[in-house]
Protein backbone atom coordinates (compact mmCIF):
# COMPACT_ATOMS: atom_id res chain seq x y z
CA UNK A 1 130.78 155.97 83.40
CA UNK A 2 128.65 155.33 80.91
CA UNK A 3 125.91 153.42 80.80
CA UNK A 4 122.85 152.84 78.56
CA UNK A 5 118.87 152.82 78.58
CA UNK A 6 116.83 152.50 75.64
CA UNK A 7 113.66 154.40 74.60
CA UNK A 8 110.64 152.95 74.92
CA UNK A 9 109.61 153.66 70.80
CA UNK A 10 113.62 153.12 70.33
CA UNK A 11 115.51 150.99 69.09
CA UNK A 12 118.85 152.93 69.63
CA UNK A 13 120.18 153.23 73.28
CA UNK A 14 121.86 156.50 75.20
CA UNK A 15 124.23 156.39 76.37
CA UNK A 16 124.93 159.02 79.91
CA UNK A 17 127.68 159.02 82.43
CA UNK A 18 127.70 159.54 86.00
CA UNK A 19 130.43 159.79 89.00
CA UNK A 20 132.34 157.25 90.68
CA UNK A 21 132.53 157.94 93.91
CA UNK A 22 135.52 156.30 94.11
CA UNK A 23 139.27 157.39 95.01
CA UNK A 24 142.36 156.35 92.10
CA UNK A 25 144.10 154.80 94.37
CA UNK A 26 141.47 151.48 94.09
CA UNK A 27 140.80 152.30 90.52
CA UNK A 28 144.73 151.54 89.61
CA UNK A 29 144.93 148.74 92.50
CA UNK A 30 142.22 147.57 90.45
CA UNK A 31 143.94 147.94 87.31
CA UNK A 32 147.38 147.06 88.60
CA UNK A 33 145.67 143.55 89.94
CA UNK A 34 144.55 142.52 86.43
CA UNK A 35 148.36 143.73 84.41
CA UNK A 36 149.88 141.31 86.54
CA UNK A 37 147.63 138.53 86.07
CA UNK A 38 147.78 139.05 82.29
CA UNK A 39 151.06 138.81 82.33
CA UNK A 40 151.61 135.64 84.91
CA UNK A 41 148.99 134.20 82.60
CA UNK A 42 150.25 135.04 79.35
CA UNK A 43 147.55 137.09 78.13
CA UNK A 44 148.49 139.90 76.18
CA UNK A 45 144.94 140.69 74.79
CA UNK A 46 141.71 142.62 76.26
CA UNK A 47 138.96 143.79 74.21
CA UNK A 48 139.51 147.26 76.42
CA UNK A 49 142.67 148.40 78.83
CA UNK A 50 142.70 147.06 82.51
CA UNK A 51 142.28 150.73 83.92
CA UNK A 52 138.48 150.33 81.76
CA UNK A 53 137.45 147.13 82.82
CA UNK A 54 138.25 148.35 86.25
CA UNK A 55 136.14 150.67 86.59
CA UNK A 56 133.50 148.85 84.47
CA UNK A 57 133.70 146.21 86.92
CA UNK A 58 133.95 148.47 90.75
CA UNK A 59 130.53 150.84 88.82
CA UNK A 60 129.20 147.03 89.12
CA UNK A 61 130.10 146.68 92.41
CA UNK A 62 129.54 149.98 93.94
CA UNK A 63 126.28 151.15 91.84
CA UNK A 64 124.97 147.26 91.30
CA UNK A 65 124.81 148.30 87.34
CA UNK A 66 123.05 145.38 85.42
CA UNK A 67 126.16 143.85 83.39
CA UNK A 68 123.51 144.40 80.23
CA UNK A 69 123.62 147.50 80.57
CA UNK A 70 126.71 148.00 81.58
CA UNK A 71 127.74 146.11 78.27
CA UNK A 72 125.75 147.75 75.90
CA UNK A 73 127.16 151.34 77.36
CA UNK A 74 131.14 149.86 76.38
CA UNK A 75 130.64 147.59 72.87
CA UNK A 76 130.94 144.37 74.61
CA UNK A 77 129.19 141.43 75.12
CA UNK A 78 126.96 140.74 78.69
CA UNK A 79 128.80 137.95 79.57
CA UNK A 80 132.25 139.68 79.02
CA UNK A 81 131.45 142.20 81.76
CA UNK A 82 130.19 139.00 83.59
CA UNK A 83 133.47 137.34 83.01
CA UNK A 84 135.72 140.19 83.77
CA UNK A 85 133.16 141.00 87.47
CA UNK A 86 134.26 137.72 88.12
CA UNK A 87 138.10 137.10 87.32
CA UNK A 88 139.38 139.96 89.66
CA UNK A 89 136.60 139.30 92.12
CA UNK A 90 139.09 136.04 92.50
CA UNK A 91 141.81 137.90 92.54
CA UNK A 92 140.53 140.40 95.37
CA UNK A 93 139.34 138.15 97.41
CA UNK A 94 142.52 136.49 97.22
CA UNK A 95 144.73 139.04 98.80
CA UNK A 96 142.11 139.09 102.11
CA UNK A 97 144.18 137.99 104.71
CA UNK A 98 142.86 134.72 106.99
CA UNK A 99 142.36 134.78 109.97
CA UNK A 100 145.25 134.22 112.12
CA UNK A 101 147.18 136.94 110.13
CA UNK A 102 144.59 139.17 110.07
CA UNK A 103 145.24 139.17 113.93
CA UNK A 104 148.99 138.39 113.94
CA UNK A 105 149.05 141.94 111.96
CA UNK A 106 146.82 143.81 114.82
CA UNK A 107 149.59 142.44 117.23
CA UNK A 108 152.42 143.36 115.74
CA UNK A 109 150.67 147.02 115.19
CA UNK A 110 150.34 147.17 119.06
CA UNK A 111 146.78 146.15 118.90
CA UNK A 112 145.24 144.48 122.40
CA UNK A 113 141.12 143.52 121.59
CA UNK A 114 139.62 143.07 118.50
CA UNK A 115 135.72 143.45 118.07
CA UNK A 116 133.61 140.90 116.18
CA UNK A 117 129.98 140.89 115.07
CA UNK A 118 127.81 138.94 113.02
CA UNK A 119 126.08 140.60 109.86
CA UNK A 120 122.85 139.38 107.23
CA UNK A 121 123.26 140.24 103.69
CA UNK A 122 119.64 139.43 103.13
CA UNK A 123 118.98 138.01 99.57
CA UNK A 124 115.70 136.83 97.87
CA UNK A 125 113.31 133.90 99.34
CA UNK A 126 114.99 130.78 97.67
CA UNK A 127 116.21 128.89 100.62
CA UNK A 128 114.95 128.20 103.70
CA UNK A 129 117.97 127.76 105.49
CA UNK A 130 118.32 131.18 104.22
CA UNK A 131 115.80 132.51 106.50
CA UNK A 132 116.84 134.61 109.33
CA UNK A 133 114.04 134.57 112.19
CA UNK A 134 116.35 137.83 114.16
CA UNK A 135 116.55 139.43 111.70
CA UNK A 136 112.93 138.46 109.93
CA UNK A 137 114.60 138.08 106.77
CA UNK A 138 115.96 135.78 104.87
CA UNK A 139 120.16 136.46 104.00
CA UNK A 140 123.48 134.38 104.13
CA UNK A 141 125.48 135.54 107.68
CA UNK A 142 128.81 136.28 107.74
CA UNK A 143 131.23 137.17 110.71
CA UNK A 144 133.35 139.63 110.62
CA UNK A 145 136.08 141.17 113.10
CA UNK A 146 137.66 145.13 113.37
CA UNK A 147 140.53 146.53 114.72
CA UNK A 148 139.53 149.21 117.80
CA UNK A 149 138.87 151.58 115.44
CA UNK A 150 136.38 149.83 113.35
CA UNK A 151 139.12 148.94 110.31
CA UNK A 152 137.79 145.48 108.77
CA UNK A 153 140.34 143.27 109.56
CA UNK A 154 138.90 140.18 108.51
CA UNK A 155 135.40 138.51 107.63
CA UNK A 156 134.17 134.70 107.92
CA UNK A 157 132.51 132.19 104.64
CA UNK A 158 129.10 132.50 104.12
CA UNK A 159 126.49 130.85 105.92
CA UNK A 160 122.39 130.65 105.89
CA UNK A 161 120.76 133.33 107.56
CA UNK A 162 119.45 131.40 110.41
CA UNK A 163 123.64 130.72 111.66
CA UNK A 164 123.56 131.87 115.33
CA UNK A 165 126.38 133.89 115.86
CA UNK A 166 128.07 131.27 118.45
CA UNK A 167 127.47 128.08 116.40
CA UNK A 168 129.59 130.53 113.13
CA UNK A 169 132.19 131.19 116.19
CA UNK A 170 132.72 128.43 117.23
CA UNK A 171 133.01 126.45 113.36
CA UNK A 172 135.75 129.55 112.51
CA UNK A 173 137.39 128.65 116.24
CA UNK A 174 137.01 131.99 116.90
CA UNK A 175 138.23 131.35 120.21
CA UNK A 176 141.11 129.30 119.88
CA UNK A 177 143.04 131.46 117.39
CA UNK A 178 142.54 134.80 120.11
CA UNK A 179 143.77 133.06 122.81
CA UNK A 180 147.25 131.93 120.46
CA UNK A 181 147.54 136.25 119.57
CA UNK A 182 147.57 136.67 122.78
CA UNK A 183 144.61 139.06 121.97
CA UNK A 184 141.26 139.97 123.28
CA UNK A 185 137.46 140.86 121.75
CA UNK A 186 134.71 143.14 122.25
CA UNK A 187 131.68 141.44 121.19
CA UNK A 188 127.46 141.87 122.12
CA UNK A 189 124.85 139.38 123.75
CA UNK A 190 124.95 137.64 120.97
CA UNK A 191 127.47 135.97 121.83
CA UNK A 192 127.26 134.69 124.86
CA UNK A 193 127.84 131.04 126.31
CA UNK A 194 131.13 131.00 123.82
CA UNK A 195 133.69 131.70 125.98
CA UNK A 196 132.92 130.25 129.29
CA UNK A 197 136.24 130.99 131.16
CA UNK A 198 135.35 132.98 133.68
CA UNK A 199 139.07 134.13 135.62
CA UNK A 200 140.39 134.57 132.72
CA UNK A 201 137.76 135.30 129.55
CA UNK A 202 139.01 136.39 125.88
CA UNK A 203 135.24 137.63 124.57
CA UNK A 204 133.95 140.10 126.80
CA UNK A 205 130.05 140.70 125.51
CA UNK A 206 128.73 142.59 128.76
CA UNK A 207 126.14 141.32 131.44
CA UNK A 208 122.33 140.80 131.24
CA UNK A 209 119.06 139.39 133.67
CA UNK A 210 117.91 136.74 134.40
CA UNK A 211 114.93 135.74 136.55
CA UNK A 212 117.54 135.43 139.73
CA UNK A 213 119.14 137.75 139.54
CA UNK A 214 118.99 141.88 137.92
CA UNK A 215 121.99 143.68 136.82
CA UNK A 216 123.43 146.61 139.17
CA UNK A 217 124.04 149.29 138.35
CA UNK A 218 128.14 148.48 138.27
CA UNK A 219 127.39 146.16 135.58
CA UNK A 220 124.91 148.53 133.84
CA UNK A 221 127.79 150.86 133.56
CA UNK A 222 130.47 148.09 132.23
CA UNK A 223 127.28 147.31 129.93
CA UNK A 224 126.99 151.23 128.25
CA UNK A 225 131.12 151.35 128.27
CA UNK A 226 131.75 148.85 126.22
CA UNK A 227 129.11 149.76 124.11
CA UNK A 228 130.70 152.56 123.24
CA UNK A 229 133.75 150.55 122.58
CA UNK A 230 132.36 148.16 120.14
CA UNK A 231 130.63 151.09 118.07
CA UNK A 232 133.68 150.84 115.85
CA UNK A 233 132.58 147.79 114.22
CA UNK A 234 129.34 148.89 112.80
CA UNK A 235 131.26 152.00 110.97
CA UNK A 236 133.01 148.76 109.64
CA UNK A 237 129.86 147.35 108.56
CA UNK A 238 128.46 150.23 107.17
CA UNK A 239 131.44 150.61 105.29
CA UNK A 240 131.51 147.41 104.04
CA UNK A 241 127.77 147.97 103.43
CA UNK A 242 128.47 151.37 101.06
CA UNK A 243 128.90 148.68 98.14
CA UNK A 244 125.58 148.17 96.62
CA UNK A 245 125.72 145.03 95.10
CA UNK A 246 125.18 143.68 98.25
CA UNK A 247 121.55 145.26 98.76
CA UNK A 248 120.10 142.26 97.51
CA UNK A 249 122.75 139.37 97.06
CA UNK A 250 121.90 137.00 93.77
CA UNK A 251 124.59 134.20 94.49
CA UNK A 252 125.47 131.78 96.26
CA UNK A 253 126.86 131.01 98.92
CA UNK A 254 130.79 130.20 97.81
CA UNK A 255 130.78 133.21 95.34
CA UNK A 256 129.32 135.52 97.68
CA UNK A 257 131.99 134.17 100.15
CA UNK A 258 134.35 135.05 97.60
CA UNK A 259 132.70 138.71 97.16
CA UNK A 260 132.50 139.30 100.49
CA UNK A 261 136.23 138.96 101.18
CA UNK A 262 137.04 141.12 97.28
CA UNK A 263 134.35 143.43 98.72
CA UNK A 264 137.10 143.90 102.20
CA UNK A 265 139.89 144.63 100.36
CA UNK A 266 137.78 147.49 98.32
CA UNK A 267 136.28 149.21 101.26
CA UNK A 268 139.71 149.18 102.87
CA UNK A 269 141.42 150.91 99.63
CA UNK A 270 139.11 153.44 100.12
CA UNK A 271 138.64 153.74 104.21
CA UNK A 272 142.94 153.76 103.72
CA UNK A 273 143.21 156.82 101.34
């Protein structure tokens, strides 16, 4: 990919190249997606071919390249690059699975449990509702589900950073969807109280001490085993956050939701290669 920089005492931009560490499969997927879209809307022309547009957009989301720099390096306007980015993000987000379909796929593949966790994607301090006391930072809250290997299978809509994991899970009817699919879920202690069925719990969160109860040796061992089983969910988040556009989001919740779902699709393309 190419980019531009201007010397302090010169108005002529210098163009340089840098490596885009993504697979050919990912680039081709995005280019083919754009070709099909152009055919569907009967638009036969773009100033650059779909493959080149795909590389530019991937550079923006992978390395958080400035739109103006990418525009200057490819002789197009900044608004054109922005339009390409938004167009392809929308097309990718449309491929992200719905929760019920994601769980059904896990069942069809022989899975018995999923891993659930919440994460904060940091933003600027523009809205007090986005302040998370837990993380001591402004951001947007997302829930995500992975399979037992840590592969992302679903991501929720963006919510204010102060949102509790249980609140988000109740809003998305996670418990009902899990019961309908016949799946269990492993979660951290942040999800305690979400599933109050003592006899047949769907969501397992481990044990915690209280004023009247100390954690026994057996319960400590159960917590340790649960932590090991849950570890892959962090790998899923790590793969997602490799997209540097998430370093600090500069967009509203609706667009953030679309972006995260697009990145879920791209992340799985890279992980599955």
